[in-house]
Amino acid sequence: TGGTMEAAVDLVKRLGGEIFGLAFLVELLDLKGRD
């Protein structure tokens, strides 16, 4: 669903990191986490 990664992105942004990319082994397309 993307919720966990969305929270991780929030943490990295608060620390001032520049997010270059998000990498996953598996993606469940029907759950639309990419959105």
Full PDB file with SEQRES, HELIX, SHEET, SSBOND, CRYST1, ORIGX, SCALE, CONECT and MASTER records, all heavy atoms in Angstrom:
SEQRES   1 A   35  THR GLY GLY THR MET GLU ALA ALA VAL ASP LEU VAL LYS          
SEQRES   2 A   35  ARG LEU GLY GLY GLU ILE PHE GLY LEU ALA PHE LEU VAL          
SEQRES   3 A   35  GLU LEU LEU ASP LEU LYS GLY ARG ASP                          
HELIX    1 AA1 GLY A    3  ARG A   14  1                                  12    
HELIX    2 AA2 LEU A   29  LEU A   31  5                                   3    
CRYST1    1.000    1.000    1.000  90.00  90.00  90.00 P 1           1          
ORIGX1      1.000000  0.000000  0.000000        0.00000                         
ORIGX2      0.000000  1.000000  0.000000        0.00000                         
ORIGX3      0.000000  0.000000  1.000000        0.00000                         
SCALE1      1.000000  0.000000  0.000000        0.00000                         
SCALE2      0.000000  1.000000  0.000000        0.00000                         
SCALE3      0.000000  0.000000  1.000000        0.00000                         
ATOM      1  N   THR A   1       0.823  -1.226   0.000  1.00  0.00           N  
ATOM      2  CA  THR A   1       0.000   0.000   0.000  1.00  0.00           C  
ATOM      3  C   THR A   1       0.846   1.261   0.000  1.00  0.00           C  
ATOM      4  O   THR A   1       0.338   2.346  -0.245  1.00  0.00           O  
ATOM      5  CB  THR A   1      -0.932   0.039   1.219  1.00  0.00           C  
ATOM      6  OG1 THR A   1      -0.134   0.123   2.407  1.00  0.00           O  
ATOM      7  CG2 THR A   1      -1.836  -1.179   1.261  1.00  0.00           C  
ATOM      8  N   GLY A   2       2.127   1.153   0.321  1.00  0.00           N  
ATOM      9  CA  GLY A   2       3.035   2.295   0.303  1.00  0.00           C  
ATOM     10  C   GLY A   2       3.135   3.059   1.603  1.00  0.00           C  
ATOM     11  O   GLY A   2       3.938   3.982   1.723  1.00  0.00           O  
ATOM     12  N   GLY A   3       2.333   2.702   2.599  1.00  0.00           N  
ATOM     13  CA  GLY A   3       2.316   3.439   3.856  1.00  0.00           C  
ATOM     14  C   GLY A   3       3.626   3.430   4.611  1.00  0.00           C  
ATOM     15  O   GLY A   3       4.066   4.468   5.112  1.00  0.00           O  
ATOM     16  N   THR A   4       4.260   2.277   4.698  1.00  0.00           N  
ATOM     17  CA  THR A   4       5.525   2.178   5.430  1.00  0.00           C  
ATOM     18  C   THR A   4       6.606   3.001   4.750  1.00  0.00           C  
ATOM     19  O   THR A   4       7.330   3.764   5.391  1.00  0.00           O  
ATOM     20  CB  THR A   4       5.980   0.708   5.552  1.00  0.00           C  
ATOM     21  OG1 THR A   4       4.909  -0.069   6.087  1.00  0.00           O  
ATOM     22  CG2 THR A   4       7.196   0.584   6.442  1.00  0.00           C  
ATOM     23  N   MET A   5       6.706   2.872   3.431  1.00  0.00           N  
ATOM     24  CA  MET A   5       7.726   3.632   2.707  1.00  0.00           C  
ATOM     25  C   MET A   5       7.428   5.130   2.755  1.00  0.00           C  
ATOM     26  O   MET A   5       8.347   5.938   2.847  1.00  0.00           O  
ATOM     27  CB  MET A   5       7.857   3.139   1.272  1.00  0.00           C  
ATOM     28  CG  MET A   5       8.981   3.798   0.505  1.00  0.00           C  
ATOM     29  SD  MET A   5      10.644   3.650   1.264  1.00  0.00           S  
ATOM     30  CE  MET A   5      11.064   1.966   0.838  1.00  0.00           C  
ATOM     31  N   GLU A   6       6.165   5.496   2.711  1.00  0.00           N  
ATOM     32  CA  GLU A   6       5.797   6.908   2.814  1.00  0.00           C  
ATOM     33  C   GLU A   6       6.287   7.485   4.150  1.00  0.00           C  
ATOM     34  O   GLU A   6       6.815   8.600   4.197  1.00  0.00           O  
ATOM     35  CB  GLU A   6       4.287   7.054   2.682  1.00  0.00           C  
ATOM     36  CG  GLU A   6       3.795   8.480   2.645  1.00  0.00           C  
ATOM     37  CD  GLU A   6       2.296   8.556   2.477  1.00  0.00           C  
ATOM     38  OE1 GLU A   6       1.549   7.757   3.094  1.00  0.00           O  
ATOM     39  OE2 GLU A   6       1.850   9.448   1.724  1.00  0.00           O  
ATOM     40  N   ALA A   7       6.164   6.713   5.230  1.00  0.00           N  
ATOM     41  CA  ALA A   7       6.654   7.151   6.537  1.00  0.00           C  
ATOM     42  C   ALA A   7       8.179   7.238   6.544  1.00  0.00           C  
ATOM     43  O   ALA A   7       8.762   8.152   7.134  1.00  0.00           O  
ATOM     44  CB  ALA A   7       6.164   6.205   7.633  1.00  0.00           C  
ATOM     45  N   ALA A   8       8.847   6.295   5.876  1.00  0.00           N  
ATOM     46  CA  ALA A   8      10.311   6.317   5.798  1.00  0.00           C  
ATOM     47  C   ALA A   8      10.784   7.529   4.998  1.00  0.00           C  
ATOM     48  O   ALA A   8      11.769   8.188   5.371  1.00  0.00           O  
ATOM     49  CB  ALA A   8      10.818   5.020   5.160  1.00  0.00           C  
ATOM     50  N   VAL A   9      10.095   7.844   3.914  1.00  0.00           N  
ATOM     51  CA  VAL A   9      10.412   9.035   3.115  1.00  0.00           C  
ATOM     52  C   VAL A   9      10.303  10.281   3.987  1.00  0.00           C  
ATOM     53  O   VAL A   9      11.166  11.168   3.945  1.00  0.00           O  
ATOM     54  CB  VAL A   9       9.485   9.121   1.878  1.00  0.00           C  
ATOM     55  CG1 VAL A   9       9.487  10.510   1.271  1.00  0.00           C  
ATOM     56  CG2 VAL A   9       9.884   8.077   0.839  1.00  0.00           C  
ATOM     57  N   ASP A  10       9.248  10.346   4.794  1.00  0.00           N  
ATOM     58  CA  ASP A  10       9.057  11.477   5.709  1.00  0.00           C  
ATOM     59  C   ASP A  10      10.264  11.630   6.637  1.00  0.00           C  
ATOM     60  O   ASP A  10      10.764  12.743   6.841  1.00  0.00           O  
ATOM     61  CB  ASP A  10       7.770  11.275   6.524  1.00  0.00           C  
ATOM     62  CG  ASP A  10       7.611  12.313   7.621  1.00  0.00           C  
ATOM     63  OD1 ASP A  10       7.503  13.516   7.302  1.00  0.00           O  
ATOM     64  OD2 ASP A  10       7.598  11.915   8.807  1.00  0.00           O  
ATOM     65  N   LEU A  11      10.754  10.526   7.183  1.00  0.00           N  
ATOM     66  CA  LEU A  11      11.909  10.581   8.095  1.00  0.00           C  
ATOM     67  C   LEU A  11      13.157  11.083   7.373  1.00  0.00           C  
ATOM     68  O   LEU A  11      13.883  11.941   7.892  1.00  0.00           O  
ATOM     69  CB  LEU A  11      12.163   9.206   8.712  1.00  0.00           C  
ATOM     70  CG  LEU A  11      11.106   8.705   9.694  1.00  0.00           C  
ATOM     71  CD1 LEU A  11      11.384   7.269  10.088  1.00  0.00           C  
ATOM     72  CD2 LEU A  11      11.051   9.608  10.921  1.00  0.00           C  
ATOM     73  N   VAL A  12      13.418  10.568   6.187  1.00  0.00           N  
ATOM     74  CA  VAL A  12      14.606  10.987   5.430  1.00  0.00           C  
ATOM     75  C   VAL A  12      14.530  12.472   5.089  1.00  0.00           C  
ATOM     76  O   VAL A  12      15.524  13.198   5.199  1.00  0.00           O  
ATOM     77  CB  VAL A  12      14.784  10.119   4.164  1.00  0.00           C  
ATOM     78  CG1 VAL A  12      15.871  10.687   3.254  1.00  0.00           C  
ATOM     79  CG2 VAL A  12      15.115   8.678   4.547  1.00  0.00           C  
ATOM     80  N   LYS A  13      13.357  12.931   4.709  1.00  0.00           N  
ATOM     81  CA  LYS A  13      13.184  14.353   4.386  1.00  0.00           C  
ATOM     82  C   LYS A  13      13.405  15.225   5.624  1.00  0.00           C  
ATOM     83  O   LYS A  13      14.014  16.291   5.526  1.00  0.00           O  
ATOM     84  CB  LYS A  13      11.801  14.582   3.788  1.00  0.00           C  
ATOM     85  CG  LYS A  13      11.698  14.063   2.353  1.00  0.00           C  
ATOM     86  CD  LYS A  13      10.305  14.014   1.823  1.00  0.00           C  
ATOM     87  CE  LYS A  13       9.721  15.372   1.584  1.00  0.00           C  
ATOM     88  NZ  LYS A  13       8.387  15.308   0.960  1.00  0.00           N  
ATOM     89  N   ARG A  14      12.932  14.779   6.784  1.00  0.00           N  
ATOM     90  CA  ARG A  14      13.148  15.550   8.013  1.00  0.00           C  
ATOM     91  C   ARG A  14      14.628  15.668   8.350  1.00  0.00           C  
ATOM     92  O   ARG A  14      15.055  16.655   8.931  1.00  0.00           O  
ATOM     93  CB  ARG A  14      12.410  14.915   9.189  1.00  0.00           C  
ATOM     94  CG  ARG A  14      10.957  15.299   9.213  1.00  0.00           C  
ATOM     95  CD  ARG A  14      10.380  15.099  10.582  1.00  0.00           C  
ATOM     96  NE  ARG A  14       9.689  13.834  10.619  1.00  0.00           N  
ATOM     97  CZ  ARG A  14       9.247  13.254  11.713  1.00  0.00           C  
ATOM     98  NH1 ARG A  14       9.436  13.800  12.886  1.00  0.00           N  
ATOM     99  NH2 ARG A  14       8.616  12.109  11.657  1.00  0.00           N  
ATOM    100  N   LEU A  15      15.399  14.649   7.965  1.00  0.00           N  
ATOM    101  CA  LEU A  15      16.839  14.669   8.217  1.00  0.00           C  
ATOM    102  C   LEU A  15      17.594  15.473   7.163  1.00  0.00           C  
ATOM    103  O   LEU A  15      18.793  15.691   7.291  1.00  0.00           O  
ATOM    104  CB  LEU A  15      17.392  13.240   8.260  1.00  0.00           C  
ATOM    105  CG  LEU A  15      16.922  12.399   9.446  1.00  0.00           C  
ATOM    106  CD1 LEU A  15      17.336  10.948   9.259  1.00  0.00           C  
ATOM    107  CD2 LEU A  15      17.469  12.948  10.745  1.00  0.00           C  
ATOM    108  N   GLY A  16      16.914  15.883   6.110  1.00  0.00           N  
ATOM    109  CA  GLY A  16      17.552  16.678   5.069  1.00  0.00           C  
ATOM    110  C   GLY A  16      18.184  15.865   3.962  1.00  0.00           C  
ATOM    111  O   GLY A  16      18.935  16.403   3.145  1.00  0.00           O  
ATOM    112  N   GLY A  17      17.897  14.561   3.916  1.00  0.00           N  
ATOM    113  CA  GLY A  17      18.445  13.720   2.859  1.00  0.00           C  
ATOM    114  C   GLY A  17      17.788  13.983   1.524  1.00  0.00           C  
ATOM    115  O   GLY A  17      16.623  14.370   1.450  1.00  0.00           O  
ATOM    116  N   GLU A  18      18.558  13.790   0.449  1.00  0.00           N  
ATOM    117  CA  GLU A  18      18.048  13.911  -0.920  1.00  0.00           C  
ATOM    118  C   GLU A  18      17.676  12.512  -1.393  1.00  0.00           C  
ATOM    119  O   GLU A  18      18.544  11.652  -1.565  1.00  0.00           O  
ATOM    120  CB  GLU A  18      19.124  14.494  -1.832  1.00  0.00           C  
ATOM    121  CG  GLU A  18      18.735  14.551  -3.282  1.00  0.00           C  
ATOM    122  CD  GLU A  18      19.917  14.782  -4.200  1.00  0.00           C  
ATOM    123  OE1 GLU A  18      20.880  15.450  -3.789  1.00  0.00           O  
ATOM    124  OE2 GLU A  18      19.881  14.264  -5.334  1.00  0.00           O  
ATOM    125  N   ILE A  19      16.403  12.259  -1.591  1.00  0.00           N  
ATOM    126  CA  ILE A  19      15.940  10.925  -1.968  1.00  0.00           C  
ATOM    127  C   ILE A  19      16.175  10.715  -3.457  1.00  0.00           C  
ATOM    128  O   ILE A  19      15.579  11.383  -4.296  1.00  0.00           O  
ATOM    129  CB  ILE A  19      14.465  10.727  -1.595  1.00  0.00           C  
ATOM    130  CG1 ILE A  19      14.312  10.862  -0.078  1.00  0.00           C  
ATOM    131  CG2 ILE A  19      13.963   9.370  -2.091  1.00  0.00           C  
ATOM    132  CD1 ILE A  19      12.896  10.926   0.412  1.00  0.00           C  
ATOM    133  N   PHE A  20      17.066   9.770  -3.767  1.00  0.00           N  
ATOM    134  CA  PHE A  20      17.406   9.474  -5.156  1.00  0.00           C  
ATOM    135  C   PHE A  20      16.484   8.410  -5.740  1.00  0.00           C  
ATOM    136  O   PHE A  20      16.188   8.420  -6.925  1.00  0.00           O  
ATOM    137  CB  PHE A  20      18.861   9.016  -5.257  1.00  0.00           C  
ATOM    138  CG  PHE A  20      19.331   8.883  -6.667  1.00  0.00           C  
ATOM    139  CD1 PHE A  20      19.673  10.004  -7.410  1.00  0.00           C  
ATOM    140  CD2 PHE A  20      19.409   7.642  -7.277  1.00  0.00           C  
ATOM    141  CE1 PHE A  20      20.097   9.893  -8.725  1.00  0.00           C  
ATOM    142  CE2 PHE A  20      19.831   7.510  -8.593  1.00  0.00           C  
ATOM    143  CZ  PHE A  20      20.172   8.642  -9.316  1.00  0.00           C  
ATOM    144  N   GLY A  21      16.050   7.465  -4.891  1.00  0.00           N  
ATOM    145  CA  GLY A  21      15.187   6.407  -5.392  1.00  0.00           C  
ATOM    146  C   GLY A  21      14.670   5.513  -4.294  1.00  0.00           C  
ATOM    147  O   GLY A  21      15.139   5.565  -3.147  1.00  0.00           O  
ATOM    148  N   LEU A  22      13.687   4.698  -4.667  1.00  0.00           N  
ATOM    149  CA  LEU A  22      13.083   3.709  -3.783  1.00  0.00           C  
ATOM    150  C   LEU A  22      13.189   2.363  -4.483  1.00  0.00           C  
ATOM    151  O   LEU A  22      12.762   2.233  -5.637  1.00  0.00           O  
ATOM    152  CB  LEU A  22      11.607   4.036  -3.524  1.00  0.00           C  
ATOM    153  CG  LEU A  22      11.250   5.479  -3.164  1.00  0.00           C  
ATOM    154  CD1 LEU A  22       9.737   5.640  -3.037  1.00  0.00           C  
ATOM    155  CD2 LEU A  22      11.944   5.911  -1.893  1.00  0.00           C  
ATOM    156  N   ALA A  23      13.751   1.375  -3.792  1.00  0.00           N  
ATOM    157  CA  ALA A  23      13.982   0.065  -4.406  1.00  0.00           C  
ATOM    158  C   ALA A  23      13.282  -1.027  -3.610  1.00  0.00           C  
ATOM    159  O   ALA A  23      13.371  -1.060  -2.377  1.00  0.00           O  
ATOM    160  CB  ALA A  23      15.476  -0.225  -4.484  1.00  0.00           C  
ATOM    161  N   PHE A  24      12.618  -1.919  -4.334  1.00  0.00           N  
ATOM    162  CA  PHE A  24      11.881  -3.029  -3.729  1.00  0.00           C  
ATOM    163  C   PHE A  24      12.172  -4.310  -4.498  1.00  0.00           C  
ATOM    164  O   PHE A  24      12.368  -4.265  -5.721  1.00  0.00           O  
ATOM    165  CB  PHE A  24      10.367  -2.781  -3.806  1.00  0.00           C  
ATOM    166  CG  PHE A  24       9.927  -1.501  -3.166  1.00  0.00           C  
ATOM    167  CD1 PHE A  24       9.852  -0.334  -3.912  1.00  0.00           C  
ATOM    168  CD2 PHE A  24       9.580  -1.455  -1.833  1.00  0.00           C  
ATOM    169  CE1 PHE A  24       9.436   0.856  -3.347  1.00  0.00           C  
ATOM    170  CE2 PHE A  24       9.161  -0.270  -1.245  1.00  0.00           C  
ATOM    171  CZ  PHE A  24       9.099   0.885  -1.999  1.00  0.00           C  
ATOM    172  N   LEU A  25      12.135  -5.433  -3.802  1.00  0.00           N  
ATOM    173  CA  LEU A  25      12.216  -6.715  -4.492  1.00  0.00           C  
ATOM    174  C   LEU A  25      10.881  -7.007  -5.171  1.00  0.00           C  
ATOM    175  O   LEU A  25      10.834  -7.307  -6.353  1.00  0.00           O  
ATOM    176  CB  LEU A  25      12.569  -7.845  -3.516  1.00  0.00           C  
ATOM    177  CG  LEU A  25      12.518  -9.256  -4.110  1.00  0.00           C  
ATOM    178  CD1 LEU A  25      13.506  -9.414  -5.254  1.00  0.00           C  
ATOM    179  CD2 LEU A  25      12.749 -10.298  -3.033  1.00  0.00           C  
ATOM    180  N   VAL A  26       9.774  -6.891  -4.415  1.00  0.00           N  
ATOM    181  CA  VAL A  26       8.448  -7.261  -4.900  1.00  0.00           C  
ATOM    182  C   VAL A  26       7.505  -6.067  -4.801  1.00  0.00           C  
ATOM    183  O   VAL A  26       7.549  -5.315  -3.823  1.00  0.00           O  
ATOM    184  CB  VAL A  26       7.875  -8.447  -4.078  1.00  0.00           C  
ATOM    185  CG1 VAL A  26       6.432  -8.741  -4.453  1.00  0.00           C  
ATOM    186  CG2 VAL A  26       8.740  -9.694  -4.241  1.00  0.00           C  
ATOM    187  N   GLU A  27       6.635  -5.935  -5.807  1.00  0.00           N  
ATOM    188  CA  GLU A  27       5.589  -4.916  -5.781  1.00  0.00           C  
ATOM    189  C   GLU A  27       4.245  -5.583  -6.082  1.00  0.00           C  
ATOM    190  O   GLU A  27       4.120  -6.316  -7.056  1.00  0.00           O  
ATOM    191  CB  GLU A  27       5.866  -3.841  -6.828  1.00  0.00           C  
ATOM    192  CG  GLU A  27       4.819  -2.753  -6.868  1.00  0.00           C  
ATOM    193  CD  GLU A  27       5.118  -1.644  -7.872  1.00  0.00           C  
ATOM    194  OE1 GLU A  27       6.164  -1.723  -8.568  1.00  0.00           O  
ATOM    195  OE2 GLU A  27       4.312  -0.708  -7.962  1.00  0.00           O  
ATOM    196  N   LEU A  28       3.260  -5.320  -5.225  1.00  0.00           N  
ATOM    197  CA  LEU A  28       1.896  -5.804  -5.438  1.00  0.00           C  
ATOM    198  C   LEU A  28       1.110  -4.687  -6.127  1.00  0.00           C  
ATOM    199  O   LEU A  28       0.647  -3.749  -5.485  1.00  0.00           O  
ATOM    200  CB  LEU A  28       1.258  -6.199  -4.105  1.00  0.00           C  
ATOM    201  CG  LEU A  28       2.031  -7.242  -3.289  1.00  0.00           C  
ATOM    202  CD1 LEU A  28       1.328  -7.525  -1.968  1.00  0.00           C  
ATOM    203  CD2 LEU A  28       2.240  -8.520  -4.084  1.00  0.00           C  
ATOM    204  N   LEU A  29       0.999  -4.776  -7.436  1.00  0.00           N  
ATOM    205  CA  LEU A  29       0.459  -3.685  -8.249  1.00  0.00           C  
ATOM    206  C   LEU A  29      -0.977  -3.309  -7.891  1.00  0.00           C  
ATOM    207  O   LEU A  29      -1.329  -2.123  -7.903  1.00  0.00           O  
ATOM    208  CB  LEU A  29       0.553  -4.045  -9.730  1.00  0.00           C  
ATOM    209  CG  LEU A  29       1.975  -4.244 -10.272  1.00  0.00           C  
ATOM    210  CD1 LEU A  29       1.941  -4.816 -11.676  1.00  0.00           C  
ATOM    211  CD2 LEU A  29       2.740  -2.938 -10.237  1.00  0.00           C  
ATOM    212  N   ASP A  30      -1.811  -4.281  -7.565  1.00  0.00           N  
ATOM    213  CA  ASP A  30      -3.220  -4.004  -7.270  1.00  0.00           C  
ATOM    214  C   ASP A  30      -3.411  -3.122  -6.037  1.00  0.00           C  
ATOM    215  O   ASP A  30      -4.450  -2.490  -5.883  1.00  0.00           O  
ATOM    216  CB  ASP A  30      -4.005  -5.306  -7.083  1.00  0.00           C  
ATOM    217  CG  ASP A  30      -4.224  -6.048  -8.392  1.00  0.00           C  
ATOM    218  OD1 ASP A  30      -4.010  -5.441  -9.463  1.00  0.00           O  
ATOM    219  OD2 ASP A  30      -4.599  -7.233  -8.340  1.00  0.00           O  
ATOM    220  N   LEU A  31      -2.423  -3.076  -5.151  1.00  0.00           N  
ATOM    221  CA  LEU A  31      -2.552  -2.282  -3.924  1.00  0.00           C  
ATOM    222  C   LEU A  31      -2.149  -0.826  -4.126  1.00  0.00           C  
ATOM    223  O   LEU A  31      -2.286  -0.012  -3.225  1.00  0.00           O  
ATOM    224  CB  LEU A  31      -1.767  -2.931  -2.786  1.00  0.00           C  
ATOM    225  CG  LEU A  31      -2.289  -4.316  -2.394  1.00  0.00           C  
ATOM    226  CD1 LEU A  31      -1.450  -4.913  -1.274  1.00  0.00           C  
ATOM    227  CD2 LEU A  31      -3.756  -4.274  -1.997  1.00  0.00           C  
ATOM    228  N   LYS A  32      -1.611  -0.499  -5.285  1.00  0.00           N  
ATOM    229  CA  LYS A  32      -1.349   0.878  -5.720  1.00  0.00           C  
ATOM    230  C   LYS A  32      -0.466   1.702  -4.771  1.00  0.00           C  
ATOM    231  O   LYS A  32      -0.659   2.902  -4.602  1.00  0.00           O  
ATOM    232  CB  LYS A  32      -2.670   1.609  -5.975  1.00  0.00           C  
ATOM    233  CG  LYS A  32      -3.524   0.922  -7.035  1.00  0.00           C  
ATOM    234  CD  LYS A  32      -4.725   1.735  -7.406  1.00  0.00           C  
ATOM    235  CE  LYS A  32      -5.639   1.059  -8.381  1.00  0.00           C  
ATOM    236  NZ  LYS A  32      -5.087   0.429  -9.529  1.00  0.00           N  
ATOM    237  N   GLY A  33       0.513   1.051  -4.168  1.00  0.00           N  
ATOM    238  CA  GLY A  33       1.451   1.756  -3.297  1.00  0.00           C  
ATOM    239  C   GLY A  33       2.232   2.833  -4.020  1.00  0.00           C  
ATOM    240  O   GLY A  33       2.610   3.847  -3.435  1.00  0.00           O  
ATOM    241  N   ARG A  34       2.453   2.635  -5.293  1.00  0.00           N  
ATOM    242  CA  ARG A  34       3.162   3.599  -6.131  1.00  0.00           C  
ATOM    243  C   ARG A  34       2.483   4.971  -6.123  1.00  0.00           C  
ATOM    244  O   ARG A  34       3.140   5.993  -6.224  1.00  0.00           O  
ATOM    245  CB  ARG A  34       3.188   3.057  -7.559  1.00  0.00           C  
ATOM    246  CG  ARG A  34       4.462   3.208  -8.266  1.00  0.00           C  
ATOM    247  CD  ARG A  34       4.360   2.467  -9.601  1.00  0.00           C  
ATOM    248  NE  ARG A  34       5.278   1.364  -9.652  1.00  0.00           N  
ATOM    249  CZ  ARG A  34       6.525   1.477 -10.091  1.00  0.00           C  
ATOM    250  NH1 ARG A  34       6.979   2.627 -10.504  1.00  0.00           N  
ATOM    251  NH2 ARG A  34       7.309   0.433 -10.100  1.00  0.00           N  
ATOM    252  N   ASP A  35       1.156   4.959  -5.984  1.00  0.00           N  
ATOM    253  CA  ASP A  35       0.400   6.219  -6.003  1.00  0.00           C  
ATOM    254  C   ASP A  35       0.798   7.147  -4.860  1.00  0.00           C  
ATOM    255  O   ASP A  35       0.819   8.361  -5.028  1.00  0.00           O  
ATOM    256  CB  ASP A  35      -1.106   5.946  -5.948  1.00  0.00           C  
ATOM    257  CG  ASP A  35      -1.631   5.256  -7.203  1.00  0.00           C  
ATOM    258  OD1 ASP A  35      -0.869   5.124  -8.189  1.00  0.00           O  
ATOM    259  OD2 ASP A  35      -2.802   4.832  -7.189  1.00  0.00           O  
TER     260      ASP A  35                                                      
MASTER        0    0    0    2    0    0    0    6  259    1    0    3          
END                                                                             
